[in-house]
Amino acid sequence: MERRLPIIVVVRLAKPQSADVDVEERTFTDNISLHGARIFSQRTWQIDEMVRVTPLNEKAARGKVVYCQRLPDDRCSIGVRFQDGPVGWPTLQKHNGLLR
């Protein structure tokens, strides 16, 4: 387990192989860490499904869905573990050292 900060970041969410911007979902995080995030989604994701998370104006990160929880408002909350190492969330630079 890694410490997560309750920081909202606007992201684009899609399957990694999708190059079409029209199939990306614009959404936001509930919390973030260097190696993962909890993200809200309009669709249901399968555990172990790969996902591409792109913070606005930043480089995309690939991750794996570790859980998908249905919320009362028909959205889902997904836990994503990033596969390619730590993500340099620009917002975390303001909170330097809080995740270590």
PDB file of N, CA and C in Angstrom:
ATOM      1  N   MET A   1       0.841  -1.181   0.000  1.00  0.00           N
ATOM      2  CA  MET A   1       0.000   0.000   0.000  1.00  0.00           C
ATOM      3  C   MET A   1       0.886   1.244   0.000  1.00  0.00           C
ATOM      4  N   GLU A   2       0.407   2.232  -0.671  1.00  0.00           N
ATOM      5  CA  GLU A   2       1.139   3.483  -0.824  1.00  0.00           C
ATOM      6  C   GLU A   2       0.233   4.625  -0.397  1.00  0.00           C
ATOM      7  N   ARG A   3       0.806   5.625   0.224  1.00  0.00           N
ATOM      8  CA  ARG A   3       0.017   6.770   0.651  1.00  0.00           C
ATOM      9  C   ARG A   3      -0.553   7.500  -0.558  1.00  0.00           C
ATOM     10  N   ARG A   4      -1.844   7.795  -0.493  1.00  0.00           N
ATOM     11  CA  ARG A   4      -2.510   8.537  -1.563  1.00  0.00           C
ATOM     12  C   ARG A   4      -2.994   9.868  -1.014  1.00  0.00           C
ATOM     13  N   LEU A   5      -2.945  10.864  -1.855  1.00  0.00           N
ATOM     14  CA  LEU A   5      -3.420  12.186  -1.471  1.00  0.00           C
ATOM     15  C   LEU A   5      -4.770  12.446  -2.113  1.00  0.00           C
ATOM     16  N   PRO A   6      -5.721  13.018  -1.371  1.00  0.00           N
ATOM     17  CA  PRO A   6      -7.056  13.289  -1.918  1.00  0.00           C
ATOM     18  C   PRO A   6      -7.032  14.519  -2.825  1.00  0.00           C
ATOM     19  N   ILE A   7      -6.453  14.344  -4.001  1.00  0.00           N
ATOM     20  CA  ILE A   7      -6.275  15.445  -4.950  1.00  0.00           C
ATOM     21  C   ILE A   7      -7.060  15.132  -6.218  1.00  0.00           C
ATOM     22  N   ILE A   8      -7.839  16.100  -6.665  1.00  0.00           N
ATOM     23  CA  ILE A   8      -8.602  15.949  -7.907  1.00  0.00           C
ATOM     24  C   ILE A   8      -7.754  16.445  -9.067  1.00  0.00           C
ATOM     25  N   VAL A   9      -7.584  15.566 -10.052  1.00  0.00           N
ATOM     26  CA  VAL A   9      -6.866  15.909 -11.280  1.00  0.00           C
ATOM     27  C   VAL A   9      -7.777  15.536 -12.449  1.00  0.00           C
ATOM     28  N   VAL A  10      -7.984  16.448 -13.373  1.00  0.00           N
ATOM     29  CA  VAL A  10      -8.769  16.143 -14.570  1.00  0.00           C
ATOM     30  C   VAL A  10      -7.909  15.272 -15.483  1.00  0.00           C
ATOM     31  N   VAL A  11      -8.486  14.163 -15.952  1.00  0.00           N
ATOM     32  CA  VAL A  11      -7.759  13.224 -16.808  1.00  0.00           C
ATOM     33  C   VAL A  11      -8.631  12.790 -17.977  1.00  0.00           C
ATOM     34  N   ARG A  12      -7.973  12.231 -18.988  1.00  0.00           N
ATOM     35  CA  ARG A  12      -8.665  11.525 -20.068  1.00  0.00           C
ATOM     36  C   ARG A  12      -8.385  10.047 -19.854  1.00  0.00           C
ATOM     37  N   LEU A  13      -9.422   9.236 -19.953  1.00  0.00           N
ATOM     38  CA  LEU A  13      -9.351   7.808 -19.661  1.00  0.00           C
ATOM     39  C   LEU A  13      -9.735   7.039 -20.915  1.00  0.00           C
ATOM     40  N   ALA A  14      -8.927   6.042 -21.292  1.00  0.00           N
ATOM     41  CA  ALA A  14      -9.218   5.257 -22.494  1.00  0.00           C
ATOM     42  C   ALA A  14      -8.477   3.932 -22.438  1.00  0.00           C
ATOM     43  N   LYS A  15      -8.835   3.037 -23.336  1.00  0.00           N
ATOM     44  CA  LYS A  15      -8.060   1.814 -23.508  1.00  0.00           C
ATOM     45  C   LYS A  15      -6.744   2.193 -24.183  1.00  0.00           C
ATOM     46  N   PRO A  16      -5.641   1.534 -23.839  1.00  0.00           N
ATOM     47  CA  PRO A  16      -4.332   1.935 -24.371  1.00  0.00           C
ATOM     48  C   PRO A  16      -4.225   1.902 -25.891  1.00  0.00           C
ATOM     49  N   GLN A  17      -4.898   0.968 -26.540  1.00  0.00           N
ATOM     50  CA  GLN A  17      -4.775   0.833 -27.984  1.00  0.00           C
ATOM     51  C   GLN A  17      -5.619   1.838 -28.752  1.00  0.00           C
ATOM     52  N   SER A  18      -6.479   2.574 -28.072  1.00  0.00           N
ATOM     53  CA  SER A  18      -7.367   3.522 -28.735  1.00  0.00           C
ATOM     54  C   SER A  18      -6.626   4.813 -29.069  1.00  0.00           C
ATOM     55  N   ALA A  19      -6.548   5.130 -30.347  1.00  0.00           N
ATOM     56  CA  ALA A  19      -5.905   6.375 -30.779  1.00  0.00           C
ATOM     57  C   ALA A  19      -6.927   7.476 -31.035  1.00  0.00           C
ATOM     58  N   ASP A  20      -8.201   7.128 -30.988  1.00  0.00           N
ATOM     59  CA  ASP A  20      -9.281   8.060 -31.298  1.00  0.00           C
ATOM     60  C   ASP A  20      -9.655   8.872 -30.056  1.00  0.00           C
ATOM     61  N   VAL A  21      -9.475  10.175 -30.117  1.00  0.00           N
ATOM     62  CA  VAL A  21      -9.792  11.053 -28.989  1.00  0.00           C
ATOM     63  C   VAL A  21     -11.280  11.005 -28.654  1.00  0.00           C
ATOM     64  N   ASP A  22     -12.131  10.684 -29.638  1.00  0.00           N
ATOM     65  CA  ASP A  22     -13.574  10.633 -29.407  1.00  0.00           C
ATOM     66  C   ASP A  22     -13.993   9.516 -28.452  1.00  0.00           C
ATOM     67  N   VAL A  23     -13.155   8.485 -28.293  1.00  0.00           N
ATOM     68  CA  VAL A  23     -13.510   7.393 -27.386  1.00  0.00           C
ATOM     69  C   VAL A  23     -12.900   7.585 -26.001  1.00  0.00           C
ATOM     70  N   GLU A  24     -12.183   8.657 -25.792  1.00  0.00           N
ATOM     71  CA  GLU A  24     -11.641   8.961 -24.478  1.00  0.00           C
ATOM     72  C   GLU A  24     -12.733   9.562 -23.602  1.00  0.00           C
ATOM     73  N   GLU A  25     -12.698   9.217 -22.342  1.00  0.00           N
ATOM     74  CA  GLU A  25     -13.639   9.776 -21.378  1.00  0.00           C
ATOM     75  C   GLU A  25     -12.912  10.860 -20.585  1.00  0.00           C
ATOM     76  N   ARG A  26     -13.487  12.027 -20.533  1.00  0.00           N
ATOM     77  CA  ARG A  26     -12.916  13.090 -19.716  1.00  0.00           C
ATOM     78  C   ARG A  26     -13.533  12.967 -18.322  1.00  0.00           C
ATOM     79  N   THR A  27     -12.676  12.799 -17.318  1.00  0.00           N
ATOM     80  CA  THR A  27     -13.142  12.553 -15.965  1.00  0.00           C
ATOM     81  C   THR A  27     -12.141  13.125 -14.966  1.00  0.00           C
ATOM     82  N   PHE A  28     -12.151  12.626 -13.735  1.00  0.00           N
ATOM     83  CA  PHE A  28     -11.235  13.159 -12.729  1.00  0.00           C
ATOM     84  C   PHE A  28     -10.916  12.098 -11.678  1.00  0.00           C
ATOM     85  N   THR A  29      -9.830  12.348 -10.966  1.00  0.00           N
ATOM     86  CA  THR A  29      -9.398  11.440  -9.915  1.00  0.00           C
ATOM     87  C   THR A  29     -10.087  11.783  -8.603  1.00  0.00           C
ATOM     88  N   ASP A  30     -10.118  10.807  -7.721  1.00  0.00           N
ATOM     89  CA  ASP A  30     -10.556  11.007  -6.342  1.00  0.00           C
ATOM     90  C   ASP A  30      -9.323  11.166  -5.450  1.00  0.00           C
ATOM     91  N   ASN A  31      -8.295  10.372  -5.763  1.00  0.00           N
ATOM     92  CA  ASN A  31      -7.021  10.494  -5.062  1.00  0.00           C
ATOM     93  C   ASN A  31      -5.912   9.978  -5.975  1.00  0.00           C
ATOM     94  N   ILE A  32      -4.676  10.366  -5.658  1.00  0.00           N
ATOM     95  CA  ILE A  32      -3.542   9.982  -6.496  1.00  0.00           C
ATOM     96  C   ILE A  32      -2.341   9.620  -5.626  1.00  0.00           C
ATOM     97  N   SER A  33      -1.443   8.836  -6.215  1.00  0.00           N
ATOM     98  CA  SER A  33      -0.148   8.539  -5.627  1.00  0.00           C
ATOM     99  C   SER A  33       0.845   8.443  -6.782  1.00  0.00           C
ATOM    100  N   LEU A  34       2.088   8.186  -6.466  1.00  0.00           N
ATOM    101  CA  LEU A  34       3.085   8.067  -7.529  1.00  0.00           C
ATOM    102  C   LEU A  34       2.848   6.835  -8.403  1.00  0.00           C
ATOM    103  N   HIS A  35       2.240   5.788  -7.844  1.00  0.00           N
ATOM    104  CA  HIS A  35       2.085   4.529  -8.580  1.00  0.00           C
ATOM    105  C   HIS A  35       0.639   4.128  -8.837  1.00  0.00           C
ATOM    106  N   GLY A  36      -0.324   5.009  -8.510  1.00  0.00           N
ATOM    107  CA  GLY A  36      -1.709   4.639  -8.727  1.00  0.00           C
ATOM    108  C   GLY A  36      -2.659   5.803  -8.544  1.00  0.00           C
ATOM    109  N   ALA A  37      -3.924   5.526  -8.797  1.00  0.00           N
ATOM    110  CA  ALA A  37      -4.961   6.547  -8.638  1.00  0.00           C
ATOM    111  C   ALA A  37      -6.321   5.871  -8.523  1.00  0.00           C
ATOM    112  N   ARG A  38      -7.230   6.582  -7.887  1.00  0.00           N
ATOM    113  CA  ARG A  38      -8.648   6.196  -7.895  1.00  0.00           C
ATOM    114  C   ARG A  38      -9.325   7.195  -8.815  1.00  0.00           C
ATOM    115  N   ILE A  39     -10.001   6.680  -9.847  1.00  0.00           N
ATOM    116  CA  ILE A  39     -10.549   7.513 -10.910  1.00  0.00           C
ATOM    117  C   ILE A  39     -12.026   7.182 -11.094  1.00  0.00           C
ATOM    118  N   PHE A  40     -12.836   8.208 -11.309  1.00  0.00           N
ATOM    119  CA  PHE A  40     -14.254   8.005 -11.590  1.00  0.00           C
ATOM    120  C   PHE A  40     -14.440   7.752 -13.085  1.00  0.00           C
ATOM    121  N   SER A  41     -15.389   6.868 -13.425  1.00  0.00           N
ATOM    122  CA  SER A  41     -15.644   6.537 -14.826  1.00  0.00           C
ATOM    123  C   SER A  41     -17.130   6.292 -15.039  1.00  0.00           C
ATOM    124  N   GLN A  42     -17.593   6.567 -16.257  1.00  0.00           N
ATOM    125  CA  GLN A  42     -18.979   6.306 -16.630  1.00  0.00           C
ATOM    126  C   GLN A  42     -19.195   4.843 -17.016  1.00  0.00           C
ATOM    127  N   ARG A  43     -18.113   4.115 -17.244  1.00  0.00           N
ATOM    128  CA  ARG A  43     -18.249   2.724 -17.678  1.00  0.00           C
ATOM    129  C   ARG A  43     -17.661   1.770 -16.650  1.00  0.00           C
ATOM    130  N   THR A  44     -18.007   0.510 -16.800  1.00  0.00           N
ATOM    131  CA  THR A  44     -17.466  -0.548 -15.958  1.00  0.00           C
ATOM    132  C   THR A  44     -16.183  -1.073 -16.591  1.00  0.00           C
ATOM    133  N   TRP A  45     -15.149  -1.188 -15.798  1.00  0.00           N
ATOM    134  CA  TRP A  45     -13.870  -1.725 -16.247  1.00  0.00           C
ATOM    135  C   TRP A  45     -13.653  -3.071 -15.572  1.00  0.00           C
ATOM    136  N   GLN A  46     -12.972  -3.979 -16.275  1.00  0.00           N
ATOM    137  CA  GLN A  46     -12.681  -5.304 -15.734  1.00  0.00           C
ATOM    138  C   GLN A  46     -11.355  -5.278 -14.976  1.00  0.00           C
ATOM    139  N   ILE A  47     -11.268  -6.059 -13.909  1.00  0.00           N
ATOM    140  CA  ILE A  47     -10.004  -6.195 -13.186  1.00  0.00           C
ATOM    141  C   ILE A  47      -8.966  -6.744 -14.155  1.00  0.00           C
ATOM    142  N   ASP A  48      -7.750  -6.203 -14.080  1.00  0.00           N
ATOM    143  CA  ASP A  48      -6.598  -6.528 -14.940  1.00  0.00           C
ATOM    144  C   ASP A  48      -6.690  -5.918 -16.338  1.00  0.00           C
ATOM    145  N   GLU A  49      -7.775  -5.200 -16.636  1.00  0.00           N
ATOM    146  CA  GLU A  49      -7.874  -4.511 -17.925  1.00  0.00           C
ATOM    147  C   GLU A  49      -6.870  -3.358 -17.942  1.00  0.00           C
ATOM    148  N   MET A  50      -6.224  -3.171 -19.064  1.00  0.00           N
ATOM    149  CA  MET A  50      -5.265  -2.073 -19.201  1.00  0.00           C
ATOM    150  C   MET A  50      -6.009  -0.789 -19.546  1.00  0.00           C
ATOM    151  N   VAL A  51      -5.477   0.322 -19.050  1.00  0.00           N
ATOM    152  CA  VAL A  51      -6.108   1.616 -19.234  1.00  0.00           C
ATOM    153  C   VAL A  51      -5.023   2.666 -19.469  1.00  0.00           C
ATOM    154  N   ARG A  52      -5.373   3.695 -20.241  1.00  0.00           N
ATOM    155  CA  ARG A  52      -4.467   4.832 -20.456  1.00  0.00           C
ATOM    156  C   ARG A  52      -5.056   6.032 -19.727  1.00  0.00           C
ATOM    157  N   VAL A  53      -4.261   6.644 -18.853  1.00  0.00           N
ATOM    158  CA  VAL A  53      -4.680   7.803 -18.069  1.00  0.00           C
ATOM    159  C   VAL A  53      -3.811   8.981 -18.498  1.00  0.00           C
ATOM    160  N   THR A  54      -4.457  10.046 -18.968  1.00  0.00           N
ATOM    161  CA  THR A  54      -3.719  11.210 -19.445  1.00  0.00           C
ATOM    162  C   THR A  54      -4.193  12.462 -18.723  1.00  0.00           C
ATOM    163  N   PRO A  55      -3.380  12.967 -17.778  1.00  0.00           N
ATOM    164  CA  PRO A  55      -3.725  14.259 -17.175  1.00  0.00           C
ATOM    165  C   PRO A  55      -3.689  15.332 -18.258  1.00  0.00           C
ATOM    166  N   LEU A  56      -4.538  16.346 -18.140  1.00  0.00           N
ATOM    167  CA  LEU A  56      -4.581  17.394 -19.154  1.00  0.00           C
ATOM    168  C   LEU A  56      -3.208  18.031 -19.328  1.00  0.00           C
ATOM    169  N   ASN A  57      -2.797  18.170 -20.575  1.00  0.00           N
ATOM    170  CA  ASN A  57      -1.519  18.783 -20.950  1.00  0.00           C
ATOM    171  C   ASN A  57      -0.304  18.027 -20.427  1.00  0.00           C
ATOM    172  N   GLU A  58      -0.452  16.740 -20.155  1.00  0.00           N
ATOM    173  CA  GLU A  58       0.652  15.925 -19.662  1.00  0.00           C
ATOM    174  C   GLU A  58       0.758  14.641 -20.469  1.00  0.00           C
ATOM    175  N   LYS A  59       1.844  13.908 -20.243  1.00  0.00           N
ATOM    176  CA  LYS A  59       2.096  12.638 -20.897  1.00  0.00           C
ATOM    177  C   LYS A  59       1.195  11.548 -20.308  1.00  0.00           C
ATOM    178  N   ALA A  60       0.748  10.634 -21.155  1.00  0.00           N
ATOM    179  CA  ALA A  60      -0.124   9.537 -20.729  1.00  0.00           C
ATOM    180  C   ALA A  60       0.651   8.515 -19.903  1.00  0.00           C
ATOM    181  N   ALA A  61      -0.070   7.838 -19.016  1.00  0.00           N
ATOM    182  CA  ALA A  61       0.478   6.742 -18.227  1.00  0.00           C
ATOM    183  C   ALA A  61      -0.392   5.517 -18.450  1.00  0.00           C
ATOM    184  N   ARG A  62       0.254   4.353 -18.572  1.00  0.00           N
ATOM    185  CA  ARG A  62      -0.478   3.095 -18.721  1.00  0.00           C
ATOM    186  C   ARG A  62      -0.632   2.459 -17.351  1.00  0.00           C
ATOM    187  N   GLY A  63      -1.804   1.874 -17.126  1.00  0.00           N
ATOM    188  CA  GLY A  63      -2.021   1.213 -15.853  1.00  0.00           C
ATOM    189  C   GLY A  63      -2.930   0.022 -15.982  1.00  0.00           C
ATOM    190  N   LYS A  64      -3.051  -0.696 -14.885  1.00  0.00           N
ATOM    191  CA  LYS A  64      -3.907  -1.871 -14.828  1.00  0.00           C
ATOM    192  C   LYS A  64      -4.993  -1.609 -13.789  1.00  0.00           C
ATOM    193  N   VAL A  65      -6.232  -1.971 -14.134  1.00  0.00           N
ATOM    194  CA  VAL A  65      -7.350  -1.819 -13.208  1.00  0.00           C
ATOM    195  C   VAL A  65      -7.221  -2.889 -12.124  1.00  0.00           C
ATOM    196  N   VAL A  66      -7.204  -2.452 -10.853  1.00  0.00           N
ATOM    197  CA  VAL A  66      -7.110  -3.394  -9.738  1.00  0.00           C
ATOM    198  C   VAL A  66      -8.449  -3.592  -9.042  1.00  0.00           C
ATOM    199  N   TYR A  67      -9.370  -2.647  -9.224  1.00  0.00           N
ATOM    200  CA  TYR A  67     -10.744  -2.839  -8.767  1.00  0.00           C
ATOM    201  C   TYR A  67     -11.660  -1.896  -9.526  1.00  0.00           C
ATOM    202  N   CYS A  68     -12.939  -2.258  -9.569  1.00  0.00           N
ATOM    203  CA  CYS A  68     -13.971  -1.409 -10.166  1.00  0.00           C
ATOM    204  C   CYS A  68     -15.189  -1.513  -9.273  1.00  0.00           C
ATOM    205  N   GLN A  69     -15.565  -0.393  -8.689  1.00  0.00           N
ATOM    206  CA  GLN A  69     -16.661  -0.366  -7.728  1.00  0.00           C
ATOM    207  C   GLN A  69     -17.796   0.487  -8.284  1.00  0.00           C
ATOM    208  N   ARG A  70     -18.996  -0.095  -8.351  1.00  0.00           N
ATOM    209  CA  ARG A  70     -20.182   0.639  -8.809  1.00  0.00           C
ATOM    210  C   ARG A  70     -20.615   1.601  -7.705  1.00  0.00           C
ATOM    211  N   LEU A  71     -20.875   2.849  -8.080  1.00  0.00           N
ATOM    212  CA  LEU A  71     -21.298   3.879  -7.134  1.00  0.00           C
ATOM    213  C   LEU A  71     -22.806   4.081  -7.238  1.00  0.00           C
ATOM    214  N   PRO A  72     -23.444   4.665  -6.215  1.00  0.00           N
ATOM    215  CA  PRO A  72     -24.896   4.848  -6.239  1.00  0.00           C
ATOM    216  C   PRO A  72     -25.419   5.687  -7.401  1.00  0.00           C
ATOM    217  N   ASP A  73     -24.582   6.557  -7.959  1.00  0.00           N
ATOM    218  CA  ASP A  73     -25.037   7.424  -9.054  1.00  0.00           C
ATOM    219  C   ASP A  73     -24.785   6.811 -10.438  1.00  0.00           C
ATOM    220  N   ASP A  74     -24.574   5.489 -10.490  1.00  0.00           N
ATOM    221  CA  ASP A  74     -24.333   4.723 -11.721  1.00  0.00           C
ATOM    222  C   ASP A  74     -22.966   4.956 -12.349  1.00  0.00           C
ATOM    223  N   ARG A  75     -22.109   5.705 -11.701  1.00  0.00           N
ATOM    224  CA  ARG A  75     -20.723   5.785 -12.143  1.00  0.00           C
ATOM    225  C   ARG A  75     -19.959   4.641 -11.494  1.00  0.00           C
ATOM    226  N   CYS A  76     -18.710   4.502 -11.894  1.00  0.00           N
ATOM    227  CA  CYS A  76     -17.813   3.536 -11.262  1.00  0.00           C
ATOM    228  C   CYS A  76     -16.594   4.273 -10.728  1.00  0.00           C
ATOM    229  N   SER A  77     -16.008   3.688  -9.730  1.00  0.00           N
ATOM    230  CA  SER A  77     -14.743   4.151  -9.195  1.00  0.00           C
ATOM    231  C   SER A  77     -13.748   3.039  -9.488  1.00  0.00           C
ATOM    232  N   ILE A  78     -12.662   3.370 -10.181  1.00  0.00           N
ATOM    233  CA  ILE A  78     -11.680   2.332 -10.502  1.00  0.00           C
ATOM    234  C   ILE A  78     -10.351   2.654  -9.838  1.00  0.00           C
ATOM    235  N   GLY A  79      -9.717   1.607  -9.370  1.00  0.00           N
ATOM    236  CA  GLY A  79      -8.359   1.720  -8.846  1.00  0.00           C
ATOM    237  C   GLY A  79      -7.403   1.332  -9.951  1.00  0.00           C
ATOM    238  N   VAL A  80      -6.426   2.182 -10.216  1.00  0.00           N
ATOM    239  CA  VAL A  80      -5.459   1.930 -11.285  1.00  0.00           C
ATOM    240  C   VAL A  80      -4.057   1.885 -10.688  1.00  0.00           C
ATOM    241  N   ARG A  81      -3.299   0.851 -11.031  1.00  0.00           N
ATOM    242  CA  ARG A  81      -1.887   0.754 -10.656  1.00  0.00           C
ATOM    243  C   ARG A  81      -1.074   0.977 -11.928  1.00  0.00           C
ATOM    244  N   PHE A  82      -0.225   1.995 -11.912  1.00  0.00           N
ATOM    245  CA  PHE A  82       0.546   2.340 -13.101  1.00  0.00           C
ATOM    246  C   PHE A  82       1.665   1.335 -13.338  1.00  0.00           C
ATOM    247  N   GLN A  83       1.855   0.981 -14.600  1.00  0.00           N
ATOM    248  CA  GLN A  83       2.772  -0.085 -14.982  1.00  0.00           C
ATOM    249  C   GLN A  83       4.187   0.392 -15.323  1.00  0.00           C
ATOM    250  N   ASP A  84       4.326   1.633 -15.746  1.00  0.00           N
ATOM    251  CA  ASP A  84       5.609   2.095 -16.275  1.00  0.00           C
ATOM    252  C   ASP A  84       6.408   2.921 -15.276  1.00  0.00           C
ATOM    253  N   GLY A  85       6.191   2.695 -13.991  1.00  0.00           N
ATOM    254  CA  GLY A  85       6.919   3.435 -12.968  1.00  0.00           C
ATOM    255  C   GLY A  85       6.119   4.603 -12.437  1.00  0.00           C
ATOM    256  N   PRO A  86       6.740   5.405 -11.576  1.00  0.00           N
ATOM    257  CA  PRO A  86       6.026   6.519 -10.943  1.00  0.00           C
ATOM    258  C   PRO A  86       5.512   7.539 -11.959  1.00  0.00           C
ATOM    259  N   VAL A  87       4.360   8.108 -11.653  1.00  0.00           N
ATOM    260  CA  VAL A  87       3.785   9.159 -12.484  1.00  0.00           C
ATOM    261  C   VAL A  87       4.127  10.492 -11.833  1.00  0.00           C
ATOM    262  N   GLY A  88       4.656  11.409 -12.620  1.00  0.00           N
ATOM    263  CA  GLY A  88       5.032  12.727 -12.114  1.00  0.00           C
ATOM    264  C   GLY A  88       3.873  13.692 -12.179  1.00  0.00           C
ATOM    265  N   TRP A  89       2.829  13.444 -11.365  1.00  0.00           N
ATOM    266  CA  TRP A  89       1.675  14.330 -11.350  1.00  0.00           C
ATOM    267  C   TRP A  89       2.140  15.751 -11.074  1.00  0.00           C
ATOM    268  N   PRO A  90       1.821  16.701 -11.947  1.00  0.00           N
ATOM    269  CA  PRO A  90       2.243  18.093 -11.716  1.00  0.00           C
ATOM    270  C   PRO A  90       1.736  18.642 -10.381  1.00  0.00           C
ATOM    271  N   THR A  91       0.546  18.229  -9.974  1.00  0.00           N
ATOM    272  CA  THR A  91      -0.031  18.691  -8.715  1.00  0.00           C
ATOM    273  C   THR A  91       0.807  18.254  -7.521  1.00  0.00           C
ATOM    274  N   LEU A  92       1.435  17.072  -7.612  1.00  0.00           N
ATOM    275  CA  LEU A  92       2.225  16.576  -6.490  1.00  0.00           C
ATOM    276  C   LEU A  92       3.503  17.372  -6.275  1.00  0.00           C
ATOM    277  N   GLN A  93       3.976  18.044  -7.312  1.00  0.00           N
ATOM    278  CA  GLN A  93       5.185  18.844  -7.157  1.00  0.00           C
ATOM    279  C   GLN A  93       4.975  19.954  -6.135  1.00  0.00           C
ATOM    280  N   LYS A  94       3.731  20.434  -5.999  1.00  0.00           N
ATOM    281  CA  LYS A  94       3.412  21.438  -5.000  1.00  0.00           C
ATOM    282  C   LYS A  94       3.456  20.862  -3.589  1.00  0.00           C
ATOM    283  N   HIS A  95       3.244  19.555  -3.486  1.00  0.00           N
ATOM    284  CA  HIS A  95       3.206  18.869  -2.191  1.00  0.00           C
ATOM    285  C   HIS A  95       4.438  17.982  -2.050  1.00  0.00           C
ATOM    286  N   ASN A  96       5.562  18.433  -2.522  1.00  0.00           N
ATOM    287  CA  ASN A  96       6.798  17.659  -2.544  1.00  0.00           C
ATOM    288  C   ASN A  96       7.069  17.024  -1.186  1.00  0.00           C
ATOM    289  N   GLY A  97       7.317  15.719  -1.205  1.00  0.00           N
ATOM    290  CA  GLY A  97       7.676  14.999   0.000  1.00  0.00           C
ATOM    291  C   GLY A  97       6.518  14.369   0.745  1.00  0.00           C
ATOM    292  N   LEU A  98       5.281  14.687   0.439  1.00  0.00           N
ATOM    293  CA  LEU A  98       4.158  14.146   1.191  1.00  0.00           C
ATOM    294  C   LEU A  98       3.930  12.660   0.923  1.00  0.00           C
ATOM    295  N   LEU A  99       4.376  12.167  -0.225  1.00  0.00           N
ATOM    296  CA  LEU A  99       4.138  10.770  -0.559  1.00  0.00           C
ATOM    297  C   LEU A  99       5.318   9.869  -0.196  1.00  0.00           C
ATOM    298  N   ARG A 100       6.345  10.402   0.325  1.00  0.00           N
ATOM    299  CA  ARG A 100       7.527   9.579   0.622  1.00  0.00           C
ATOM    300  C   ARG A 100       7.499   9.049   2.028  1.00  0.00           C
TER     301      ARG A 100
END
